[in-house]
């Protein structure tokens, strides 16, 4: 009997290891999932939008038809066309009058034009109260491998980067999250009166790093309208995040009696190896 159980365990282990496993990350998921922080462009908390722009620096691989920074002013359109493309490594600064205030909850949301929940082009977000001194939000990317030009990213692997959600849904930012930054503590950036937001495209080839020094991957290379495609930035001055809590899956325990009824823990051991390999690799 033990021989049969041993053979069954080996076969199960081989099957599980042979099948590629994916494991969700720790950050809020896509728009239609419980615990998402996606902000609809129709959210009643949005009370104003960008009123002007400056310092549009176009990156690589952007056709002239997409170089229209005025498309990022006013309300989000939620489509694939009424946007401005930053290009690979490009940037755009938006102006807000009246300025954005640091309220309770998220204070503004950045809208991109992704056509799906996983084709995500990312950008850093920086804020200023004078248009000169800027502070950048911390960003984390857990995407482990390069992403091809039409590849996908799991939004639960991304935090603190614009472009996390598909078109029509913005990525929210809370000014309180940067209250301990040197530029804020020195008084150079006043979080109660943010007049400028700068969006900086992440080049997805592995040359850009997140706040922990890890590589940020997103679709690369792309052409025509390469890089982050900015639809709009909406202001709430402090609003609650969407209801619901995202609870990422837990790693199975080291061992227990979940195998075939004895203390070998065959089943748990079988699924542990590939899953732990994924977490260690990440």
C-alpha atoms as a PDB file:
ATOM      1  CA  UNK A   1       0.000   0.000   0.000  1.00  0.00           C
ATOM      2  CA  UNK A   2       2.840   2.396   0.881  1.00  0.00           C
ATOM      3  CA  UNK A   3       4.440   1.682  -2.497  1.00  0.00           C
ATOM      4  CA  UNK A   4       1.231   2.669  -4.296  1.00  0.00           C
ATOM      5  CA  UNK A   5       0.992   5.855  -2.273  1.00  0.00           C
ATOM      6  CA  UNK A   6       4.613   6.691  -3.027  1.00  0.00           C
ATOM      7  CA  UNK A   7       4.101   6.219  -6.761  1.00  0.00           C
ATOM      8  CA  UNK A   8       0.931   8.340  -6.664  1.00  0.00           C
ATOM      9  CA  UNK A   9       2.764  11.079  -4.812  1.00  0.00           C
ATOM     10  CA  UNK A  10       5.606  11.107  -7.342  1.00  0.00           C
ATOM     11  CA  UNK A  11       3.189  11.278 -10.260  1.00  0.00           C
ATOM     12  CA  UNK A  12       1.289  14.157  -8.647  1.00  0.00           C
ATOM     13  CA  UNK A  13       4.490  16.055  -7.990  1.00  0.00           C
ATOM     14  CA  UNK A  14       5.621  15.616 -11.597  1.00  0.00           C
ATOM     15  CA  UNK A  15       2.277  16.859 -12.889  1.00  0.00           C
ATOM     16  CA  UNK A  16       2.261  19.957 -10.694  1.00  0.00           C
ATOM     17  CA  UNK A  17       5.837  20.914 -11.448  1.00  0.00           C
ATOM     18  CA  UNK A  18       5.230  20.434 -15.170  1.00  0.00           C
ATOM     19  CA  UNK A  19       2.323  22.913 -15.161  1.00  0.00           C
ATOM     20  CA  UNK A  20       3.437  26.583 -14.981  1.00  0.00           C
ATOM     21  CA  UNK A  21       1.943  28.212 -11.892  1.00  0.00           C
ATOM     22  CA  UNK A  22       1.146  31.893 -11.375  1.00  0.00           C
ATOM     23  CA  UNK A  23       0.669  33.517  -8.009  1.00  0.00           C
ATOM     24  CA  UNK A  24      -1.044  36.825  -7.357  1.00  0.00           C
ATOM     25  CA  UNK A  25       0.936  39.681  -5.895  1.00  0.00           C
ATOM     26  CA  UNK A  26       0.130  41.650  -2.712  1.00  0.00           C
ATOM     27  CA  UNK A  27      -1.296  44.840  -4.260  1.00  0.00           C
ATOM     28  CA  UNK A  28      -4.883  45.783  -5.248  1.00  0.00           C
ATOM     29  CA  UNK A  29      -6.198  43.877  -8.293  1.00  0.00           C
ATOM     30  CA  UNK A  30      -7.935  44.822 -11.553  1.00  0.00           C
ATOM     31  CA  UNK A  31     -11.063  46.970 -11.687  1.00  0.00           C
ATOM     32  CA  UNK A  32     -13.653  44.196 -11.601  1.00  0.00           C
ATOM     33  CA  UNK A  33     -12.129  42.297  -8.663  1.00  0.00           C
ATOM     34  CA  UNK A  34     -12.796  42.606  -4.926  1.00  0.00           C
ATOM     35  CA  UNK A  35     -10.388  45.026  -3.283  1.00  0.00           C
ATOM     36  CA  UNK A  36      -9.535  46.984  -6.434  1.00  0.00           C
ATOM     37  CA  UNK A  37      -8.588  50.654  -5.975  1.00  0.00           C
ATOM     38  CA  UNK A  38      -9.577  51.567  -9.544  1.00  0.00           C
ATOM     39  CA  UNK A  39     -11.379  54.915  -9.715  1.00  0.00           C
ATOM     40  CA  UNK A  40     -14.091  55.232 -12.350  1.00  0.00           C
ATOM     41  CA  UNK A  41     -13.946  58.380 -14.466  1.00  0.00           C
ATOM     42  CA  UNK A  42     -17.611  58.856 -13.447  1.00  0.00           C
ATOM     43  CA  UNK A  43     -16.823  58.745  -9.721  1.00  0.00           C
ATOM     44  CA  UNK A  44     -18.707  61.562  -7.977  1.00  0.00           C
ATOM     45  CA  UNK A  45     -15.667  62.278  -5.800  1.00  0.00           C
ATOM     46  CA  UNK A  46     -13.876  63.786  -8.824  1.00  0.00           C
ATOM     47  CA  UNK A  47     -14.428  67.543  -8.514  1.00  0.00           C
ATOM     48  CA  UNK A  48     -11.853  69.019 -10.903  1.00  0.00           C
ATOM     49  CA  UNK A  49      -9.321  68.202 -13.618  1.00  0.00           C
ATOM     50  CA  UNK A  50      -6.066  69.557 -15.030  1.00  0.00           C
ATOM     51  CA  UNK A  51      -6.417  73.074 -16.436  1.00  0.00           C
ATOM     52  CA  UNK A  52      -3.057  73.482 -18.190  1.00  0.00           C
ATOM     53  CA  UNK A  53       0.256  71.871 -19.056  1.00  0.00           C
ATOM     54  CA  UNK A  54       3.971  72.589 -19.396  1.00  0.00           C
ATOM     55  CA  UNK A  55       7.231  70.801 -20.158  1.00  0.00           C
ATOM     56  CA  UNK A  56       5.954  68.232 -22.634  1.00  0.00           C
ATOM     57  CA  UNK A  57       9.096  66.262 -23.469  1.00  0.00           C
ATOM     58  CA  UNK A  58       8.311  63.618 -26.072  1.00  0.00           C
ATOM     59  CA  UNK A  59      10.128  60.303 -25.795  1.00  0.00           C
ATOM     60  CA  UNK A  60      10.963  57.903 -28.603  1.00  0.00           C
ATOM     61  CA  UNK A  61       8.592  56.242 -31.077  1.00  0.00           C
ATOM     62  CA  UNK A  62       5.639  58.647 -31.046  1.00  0.00           C
ATOM     63  CA  UNK A  63       3.911  59.732 -34.250  1.00  0.00           C
ATOM     64  CA  UNK A  64       2.896  63.378 -34.502  1.00  0.00           C
ATOM     65  CA  UNK A  65      -0.816  62.599 -34.311  1.00  0.00           C
ATOM     66  CA  UNK A  66      -0.351  61.425 -30.715  1.00  0.00           C
ATOM     67  CA  UNK A  67       1.691  64.480 -29.639  1.00  0.00           C
ATOM     68  CA  UNK A  68      -1.269  66.560 -28.429  1.00  0.00           C
ATOM     69  CA  UNK A  69      -0.774  67.438 -24.732  1.00  0.00           C
ATOM     70  CA  UNK A  70      -4.066  69.315 -24.671  1.00  0.00           C
ATOM     71  CA  UNK A  71      -5.806  65.941 -24.844  1.00  0.00           C
ATOM     72  CA  UNK A  72      -4.816  65.398 -21.193  1.00  0.00           C
ATOM     73  CA  UNK A  73      -6.752  68.459 -20.007  1.00  0.00           C
ATOM     74  CA  UNK A  74     -10.254  68.317 -18.607  1.00  0.00           C
ATOM     75  CA  UNK A  75     -12.266  65.197 -17.876  1.00  0.00           C
ATOM     76  CA  UNK A  76     -11.156  61.689 -18.795  1.00  0.00           C
ATOM     77  CA  UNK A  77     -12.602  60.400 -22.068  1.00  0.00           C
ATOM     78  CA  UNK A  78     -12.107  56.691 -21.344  1.00  0.00           C
ATOM     79  CA  UNK A  79     -11.246  55.703 -24.912  1.00  0.00           C
ATOM     80  CA  UNK A  80      -8.150  54.724 -26.878  1.00  0.00           C
ATOM     81  CA  UNK A  81      -7.772  57.927 -28.910  1.00  0.00           C
ATOM     82  CA  UNK A  82      -8.244  61.169 -26.931  1.00  0.00           C
ATOM     83  CA  UNK A  83      -4.875  60.900 -25.206  1.00  0.00           C
ATOM     84  CA  UNK A  84      -1.336  62.251 -25.405  1.00  0.00           C
ATOM     85  CA  UNK A  85       1.468  59.720 -25.789  1.00  0.00           C
ATOM     86  CA  UNK A  86       4.575  60.405 -23.747  1.00  0.00           C
ATOM     87  CA  UNK A  87       6.814  58.111 -25.777  1.00  0.00           C
ATOM     88  CA  UNK A  88       9.546  55.917 -24.321  1.00  0.00           C
ATOM     89  CA  UNK A  89      11.025  57.910 -21.459  1.00  0.00           C
ATOM     90  CA  UNK A  90       8.935  61.020 -22.157  1.00  0.00           C
ATOM     91  CA  UNK A  91       7.141  63.222 -19.647  1.00  0.00           C
ATOM     92  CA  UNK A  92       4.405  65.813 -19.258  1.00  0.00           C
ATOM     93  CA  UNK A  93       3.613  68.246 -16.431  1.00  0.00           C
ATOM     94  CA  UNK A  94      -0.026  69.129 -15.804  1.00  0.00           C
ATOM     95  CA  UNK A  95      -1.152  72.317 -14.029  1.00  0.00           C
ATOM     96  CA  UNK A  96      -4.048  72.544 -11.563  1.00  0.00           C
ATOM     97  CA  UNK A  97      -5.972  75.689 -10.674  1.00  0.00           C
ATOM     98  CA  UNK A  98      -7.193  75.585  -7.962  1.00  0.00           C
ATOM     99  CA  UNK A  99      -4.373  73.493  -6.463  1.00  0.00           C
ATOM    100  CA  UNK A 100      -4.882  69.971  -5.101  1.00  0.00           C
ATOM    101  CA  UNK A 101      -5.299  69.605  -1.329  1.00  0.00           C
ATOM    102  CA  UNK A 102      -4.159  66.775   0.934  1.00  0.00           C
ATOM    103  CA  UNK A 103      -7.418  65.383   2.277  1.00  0.00           C
ATOM    104  CA  UNK A 104      -8.508  62.137   3.908  1.00  0.00           C
ATOM    105  CA  UNK A 105      -8.014  59.304   1.414  1.00  0.00           C
ATOM    106  CA  UNK A 106      -6.875  59.519  -2.201  1.00  0.00           C
ATOM    107  CA  UNK A 107      -6.421  63.032  -3.574  1.00  0.00           C
ATOM    108  CA  UNK A 108      -6.107  62.549  -7.335  1.00  0.00           C
ATOM    109  CA  UNK A 109      -6.275  59.769  -9.932  1.00  0.00           C
ATOM    110  CA  UNK A 110      -4.272  59.300 -13.148  1.00  0.00           C
ATOM    111  CA  UNK A 111      -6.072  57.840 -16.173  1.00  0.00           C
ATOM    112  CA  UNK A 112      -4.368  55.874 -18.974  1.00  0.00           C
ATOM    113  CA  UNK A 113      -5.970  54.289 -22.064  1.00  0.00           C
ATOM    114  CA  UNK A 114      -5.181  50.573 -21.738  1.00  0.00           C
ATOM    115  CA  UNK A 115      -7.647  48.391 -23.640  1.00  0.00           C
ATOM    116  CA  UNK A 116      -7.435  45.545 -21.090  1.00  0.00           C
ATOM    117  CA  UNK A 117      -6.838  44.853 -17.414  1.00  0.00           C
ATOM    118  CA  UNK A 118      -3.354  43.460 -18.060  1.00  0.00           C
ATOM    119  CA  UNK A 119      -1.867  45.361 -20.983  1.00  0.00           C
ATOM    120  CA  UNK A 120      -0.447  48.054 -18.720  1.00  0.00           C
ATOM    121  CA  UNK A 121       1.921  50.870 -19.660  1.00  0.00           C
ATOM    122  CA  UNK A 122       3.332  52.433 -16.510  1.00  0.00           C
ATOM    123  CA  UNK A 123       4.606  55.830 -15.378  1.00  0.00           C
ATOM    124  CA  UNK A 124       6.110  57.494 -12.318  1.00  0.00           C
ATOM    125  CA  UNK A 125       4.117  60.291 -10.663  1.00  0.00           C
ATOM    126  CA  UNK A 126       5.678  63.437  -9.168  1.00  0.00           C
ATOM    127  CA  UNK A 127       4.014  66.452  -7.523  1.00  0.00           C
ATOM    128  CA  UNK A 128       4.999  70.082  -6.920  1.00  0.00           C
ATOM    129  CA  UNK A 129       3.542  73.198  -5.314  1.00  0.00           C
ATOM    130  CA  UNK A 130       5.614  75.634  -7.387  1.00  0.00           C
ATOM    131  CA  UNK A 131       6.414  73.840 -10.658  1.00  0.00           C
ATOM    132  CA  UNK A 132      10.100  73.745  -9.738  1.00  0.00           C
ATOM    133  CA  UNK A 133      10.607  71.335  -6.832  1.00  0.00           C
ATOM    134  CA  UNK A 134       9.028  67.903  -7.331  1.00  0.00           C
ATOM    135  CA  UNK A 135       8.605  64.859  -5.079  1.00  0.00           C
ATOM    136  CA  UNK A 136       8.087  61.393  -6.564  1.00  0.00           C
ATOM    137  CA  UNK A 137       5.730  58.763  -5.169  1.00  0.00           C
ATOM    138  CA  UNK A 138       7.345  55.489  -4.151  1.00  0.00           C
ATOM    139  CA  UNK A 139       6.723  52.725  -6.678  1.00  0.00           C
ATOM    140  CA  UNK A 140       7.028  48.955  -6.534  1.00  0.00           C
ATOM    141  CA  UNK A 141       7.109  46.461  -9.406  1.00  0.00           C
ATOM    142  CA  UNK A 142       7.231  42.712  -8.817  1.00  0.00           C
ATOM    143  CA  UNK A 143       6.972  41.707 -12.494  1.00  0.00           C
ATOM    144  CA  UNK A 144       9.778  39.134 -12.657  1.00  0.00           C
ATOM    145  CA  UNK A 145      10.547  38.973 -16.390  1.00  0.00           C
ATOM    146  CA  UNK A 146      10.701  41.243 -19.461  1.00  0.00           C
ATOM    147  CA  UNK A 147       7.316  41.916 -21.076  1.00  0.00           C
ATOM    148  CA  UNK A 148       7.068  41.874 -24.902  1.00  0.00           C
ATOM    149  CA  UNK A 149       5.453  44.695 -26.839  1.00  0.00           C
ATOM    150  CA  UNK A 150       1.974  43.202 -26.557  1.00  0.00           C
ATOM    151  CA  UNK A 151       2.572  41.322 -23.299  1.00  0.00           C
ATOM    152  CA  UNK A 152       0.671  41.469 -20.039  1.00  0.00           C
ATOM    153  CA  UNK A 153       1.313  42.539 -16.448  1.00  0.00           C
ATOM    154  CA  UNK A 154      -0.503  41.374 -13.320  1.00  0.00           C
ATOM    155  CA  UNK A 155      -1.807  44.548 -11.594  1.00  0.00           C
ATOM    156  CA  UNK A 156      -1.360  42.863  -8.202  1.00  0.00           C
ATOM    157  CA  UNK A 157       2.394  43.093  -8.871  1.00  0.00           C
ATOM    158  CA  UNK A 158       2.316  46.896  -9.221  1.00  0.00           C
ATOM    159  CA  UNK A 159       1.964  49.690  -6.663  1.00  0.00           C
ATOM    160  CA  UNK A 160       2.586  53.439  -6.779  1.00  0.00           C
ATOM    161  CA  UNK A 161       2.743  53.625 -10.584  1.00  0.00           C
ATOM    162  CA  UNK A 162       0.204  55.265 -12.887  1.00  0.00           C
ATOM    163  CA  UNK A 163      -1.288  53.039 -15.567  1.00  0.00           C
ATOM    164  CA  UNK A 164      -2.281  50.211 -13.228  1.00  0.00           C
ATOM    165  CA  UNK A 165      -5.880  50.154 -14.523  1.00  0.00           C
ATOM    166  CA  UNK A 166      -7.578  50.004 -17.935  1.00  0.00           C
ATOM    167  CA  UNK A 167      -9.141  52.933 -19.757  1.00  0.00           C
ATOM    168  CA  UNK A 168     -11.964  54.665 -17.940  1.00  0.00           C
ATOM    169  CA  UNK A 169     -10.431  53.839 -14.552  1.00  0.00           C
ATOM    170  CA  UNK A 170      -7.770  55.877 -12.809  1.00  0.00           C
ATOM    171  CA  UNK A 171      -4.960  54.936 -10.444  1.00  0.00           C
ATOM    172  CA  UNK A 172      -5.448  56.866  -7.178  1.00  0.00           C
ATOM    173  CA  UNK A 173      -2.667  58.654  -5.270  1.00  0.00           C
ATOM    174  CA  UNK A 174      -2.741  59.837  -1.661  1.00  0.00           C
ATOM    175  CA  UNK A 175      -0.550  62.865  -0.940  1.00  0.00           C
ATOM    176  CA  UNK A 176      -0.148  61.723   2.643  1.00  0.00           C
ATOM    177  CA  UNK A 177       1.967  58.827   1.331  1.00  0.00           C
ATOM    178  CA  UNK A 178       4.811  61.239   0.571  1.00  0.00           C
ATOM    179  CA  UNK A 179       4.540  63.358   3.721  1.00  0.00           C
ATOM    180  CA  UNK A 180       7.858  62.018   5.013  1.00  0.00           C
ATOM    181  CA  UNK A 181       9.844  62.809   1.865  1.00  0.00           C
ATOM    182  CA  UNK A 182      12.757  65.272   2.280  1.00  0.00           C
ATOM    183  CA  UNK A 183      11.269  67.732  -0.213  1.00  0.00           C
ATOM    184  CA  UNK A 184       8.066  67.864   1.822  1.00  0.00           C
ATOM    185  CA  UNK A 185       9.741  68.025   5.231  1.00  0.00           C
ATOM    186  CA  UNK A 186      11.939  70.892   4.029  1.00  0.00           C
ATOM    187  CA  UNK A 187       8.889  72.872   2.963  1.00  0.00           C
ATOM    188  CA  UNK A 188       9.863  72.945  -0.711  1.00  0.00           C
ATOM    189  CA  UNK A 189       6.716  71.008  -1.575  1.00  0.00           C
ATOM    190  CA  UNK A 190       3.476  71.993   0.159  1.00  0.00           C
ATOM    191  CA  UNK A 191       1.060  69.070   0.146  1.00  0.00           C
ATOM    192  CA  UNK A 192      -1.860  71.357   0.931  1.00  0.00           C
ATOM    193  CA  UNK A 193      -1.378  73.219  -2.367  1.00  0.00           C
ATOM    194  CA  UNK A 194      -0.192  70.963  -5.206  1.00  0.00           C
ATOM    195  CA  UNK A 195      -0.298  72.927  -8.438  1.00  0.00           C
ATOM    196  CA  UNK A 196       1.697  70.611 -10.736  1.00  0.00           C
ATOM    197  CA  UNK A 197       1.762  66.864 -11.428  1.00  0.00           C
ATOM    198  CA  UNK A 198       4.482  65.395 -13.624  1.00  0.00           C
ATOM    199  CA  UNK A 199       3.964  62.046 -15.342  1.00  0.00           C
ATOM    200  CA  UNK A 200       7.209  60.290 -16.362  1.00  0.00           C
ATOM    201  CA  UNK A 201       7.063  57.271 -18.642  1.00  0.00           C
ATOM    202  CA  UNK A 202       8.692  54.046 -17.487  1.00  0.00           C
ATOM    203  CA  UNK A 203      10.822  52.524 -20.239  1.00  0.00           C
ATOM    204  CA  UNK A 204      10.003  48.839 -19.923  1.00  0.00           C
ATOM    205  CA  UNK A 205      13.294  47.427 -21.190  1.00  0.00           C
ATOM    206  CA  UNK A 206      14.732  46.996 -17.699  1.00  0.00           C
ATOM    207  CA  UNK A 207      16.557  50.344 -17.559  1.00  0.00           C
ATOM    208  CA  UNK A 208      14.114  51.879 -15.044  1.00  0.00           C
ATOM    209  CA  UNK A 209      14.076  50.941 -11.370  1.00  0.00           C
ATOM    210  CA  UNK A 210      11.438  51.074  -8.647  1.00  0.00           C
ATOM    211  CA  UNK A 211      11.907  52.559  -5.169  1.00  0.00           C
ATOM    212  CA  UNK A 212      13.588  49.420  -3.871  1.00  0.00           C
ATOM    213  CA  UNK A 213      16.079  49.327  -6.736  1.00  0.00           C
ATOM    214  CA  UNK A 214      14.353  46.518  -8.622  1.00  0.00           C
ATOM    215  CA  UNK A 215      13.737  46.575 -12.373  1.00  0.00           C
ATOM    216  CA  UNK A 216      10.354  47.769 -13.663  1.00  0.00           C
ATOM    217  CA  UNK A 217       9.130  45.868 -16.693  1.00  0.00           C
ATOM    218  CA  UNK A 218       6.218  46.888 -18.888  1.00  0.00           C
ATOM    219  CA  UNK A 219       5.409  46.248 -22.598  1.00  0.00           C
ATOM    220  CA  UNK A 220       8.513  46.881 -24.711  1.00  0.00           C
ATOM    221  CA  UNK A 221       9.178  47.701 -27.458  1.00  0.00           C
ATOM    222  CA  UNK A 222       6.141  49.593 -28.729  1.00  0.00           C
ATOM    223  CA  UNK A 223       5.798  52.082 -31.586  1.00  0.00           C
ATOM    224  CA  UNK A 224       3.501  54.758 -32.983  1.00  0.00           C
ATOM    225  CA  UNK A 225       2.151  55.842 -29.605  1.00  0.00           C
ATOM    226  CA  UNK A 226       4.881  54.313 -27.449  1.00  0.00           C
ATOM    227  CA  UNK A 227       5.028  54.726 -23.711  1.00  0.00           C
ATOM    228  CA  UNK A 228       2.404  55.991 -21.315  1.00  0.00           C
ATOM    229  CA  UNK A 229      -0.758  57.330 -22.972  1.00  0.00           C
ATOM    230  CA  UNK A 230      -2.225  59.988 -20.665  1.00  0.00           C
ATOM    231  CA  UNK A 231      -5.972  60.535 -20.772  1.00  0.00           C
ATOM    232  CA  UNK A 232      -6.457  62.837 -17.772  1.00  0.00           C
ATOM    233  CA  UNK A 233      -5.810  63.484 -14.085  1.00  0.00           C
ATOM    234  CA  UNK A 234      -8.847  63.975 -11.854  1.00  0.00           C
ATOM    235  CA  UNK A 235      -8.888  65.582  -8.395  1.00  0.00           C
ATOM    236  CA  UNK A 236     -10.878  64.612  -5.294  1.00  0.00           C
ATOM    237  CA  UNK A 237      -8.944  66.433  -2.514  1.00  0.00           C
ATOM    238  CA  UNK A 238      -9.403  63.357  -0.346  1.00  0.00           C
ATOM    239  CA  UNK A 239     -11.926  60.578  -0.939  1.00  0.00           C
ATOM    240  CA  UNK A 240     -12.395  57.048   0.433  1.00  0.00           C
ATOM    241  CA  UNK A 241     -11.007  54.125  -1.537  1.00  0.00           C
ATOM    242  CA  UNK A 242     -13.523  51.714  -3.108  1.00  0.00           C
ATOM    243  CA  UNK A 243     -15.121  49.336  -0.637  1.00  0.00           C
ATOM    244  CA  UNK A 244     -13.781  45.836  -0.205  1.00  0.00           C
ATOM    245  CA  UNK A 245     -10.450  44.446   0.855  1.00  0.00           C
ATOM    246  CA  UNK A 246      -8.023  42.549  -1.340  1.00  0.00           C
ATOM    247  CA  UNK A 247      -6.610  39.511   0.427  1.00  0.00           C
ATOM    248  CA  UNK A 248      -3.727  37.993  -1.549  1.00  0.00           C
ATOM    249  CA  UNK A 249      -3.436  34.185  -1.477  1.00  0.00           C
ATOM    250  CA  UNK A 250      -1.234  32.736   1.227  1.00  0.00           C
ATOM    251  CA  UNK A 251       1.679  30.438   0.605  1.00  0.00           C
ATOM    252  CA  UNK A 252       0.852  26.851   1.675  1.00  0.00           C
ATOM    253  CA  UNK A 253       2.433  25.749   4.987  1.00  0.00           C
ATOM    254  CA  UNK A 254       5.715  23.877   5.065  1.00  0.00           C
ATOM    255  CA  UNK A 255       4.006  20.565   5.847  1.00  0.00           C
ATOM    256  CA  UNK A 256       0.862  19.091   7.332  1.00  0.00           C
ATOM    257  CA  UNK A 257      -1.334  16.035   7.028  1.00  0.00           C
ATOM    258  CA  UNK A 258      -2.974  17.069   3.784  1.00  0.00           C
ATOM    259  CA  UNK A 259      -1.334  14.303   1.778  1.00  0.00           C
ATOM    260  CA  UNK A 260      -2.867  10.857   1.843  1.00  0.00           C
ATOM    261  CA  UNK A 261      -3.803  10.725   5.513  1.00  0.00           C
ATOM    262  CA  UNK A 262      -0.395  10.181   7.087  1.00  0.00           C
ATOM    263  CA  UNK A 263       2.422  12.483   8.164  1.00  0.00           C
ATOM    264  CA  UNK A 264       4.136  12.722   4.782  1.00  0.00           C
ATOM    265  CA  UNK A 265       2.089  15.736   3.620  1.00  0.00           C
ATOM    266  CA  UNK A 266       2.557  14.528   0.028  1.00  0.00           C
ATOM    267  CA  UNK A 267       0.057  16.879  -1.585  1.00  0.00           C
ATOM    268  CA  UNK A 268       1.238  20.010   0.216  1.00  0.00           C
ATOM    269  CA  UNK A 269       4.883  19.140  -0.444  1.00  0.00           C
ATOM    270  CA  UNK A 270       4.071  18.581  -4.119  1.00  0.00           C
ATOM    271  CA  UNK A 271       2.526  22.010  -4.630  1.00  0.00           C
ATOM    272  CA  UNK A 272       4.999  23.786  -2.391  1.00  0.00           C
ATOM    273  CA  UNK A 273       8.090  23.326  -4.511  1.00  0.00           C
ATOM    274  CA  UNK A 274       6.965  25.226  -7.641  1.00  0.00           C
ATOM    275  CA  UNK A 275       5.073  27.863  -5.658  1.00  0.00           C
ATOM    276  CA  UNK A 276       7.988  28.578  -3.353  1.00  0.00           C
ATOM    277  CA  UNK A 277      10.271  28.722  -6.354  1.00  0.00           C
ATOM    278  CA  UNK A 278       8.059  31.453  -7.807  1.00  0.00           C
ATOM    279  CA  UNK A 279       8.068  33.496  -4.589  1.00  0.00           C
ATOM    280  CA  UNK A 280      11.826  33.152  -4.180  1.00  0.00           C
ATOM    281  CA  UNK A 281      12.393  34.162  -7.794  1.00  0.00           C
ATOM    282  CA  UNK A 282      10.205  37.230  -7.347  1.00  0.00           C
END
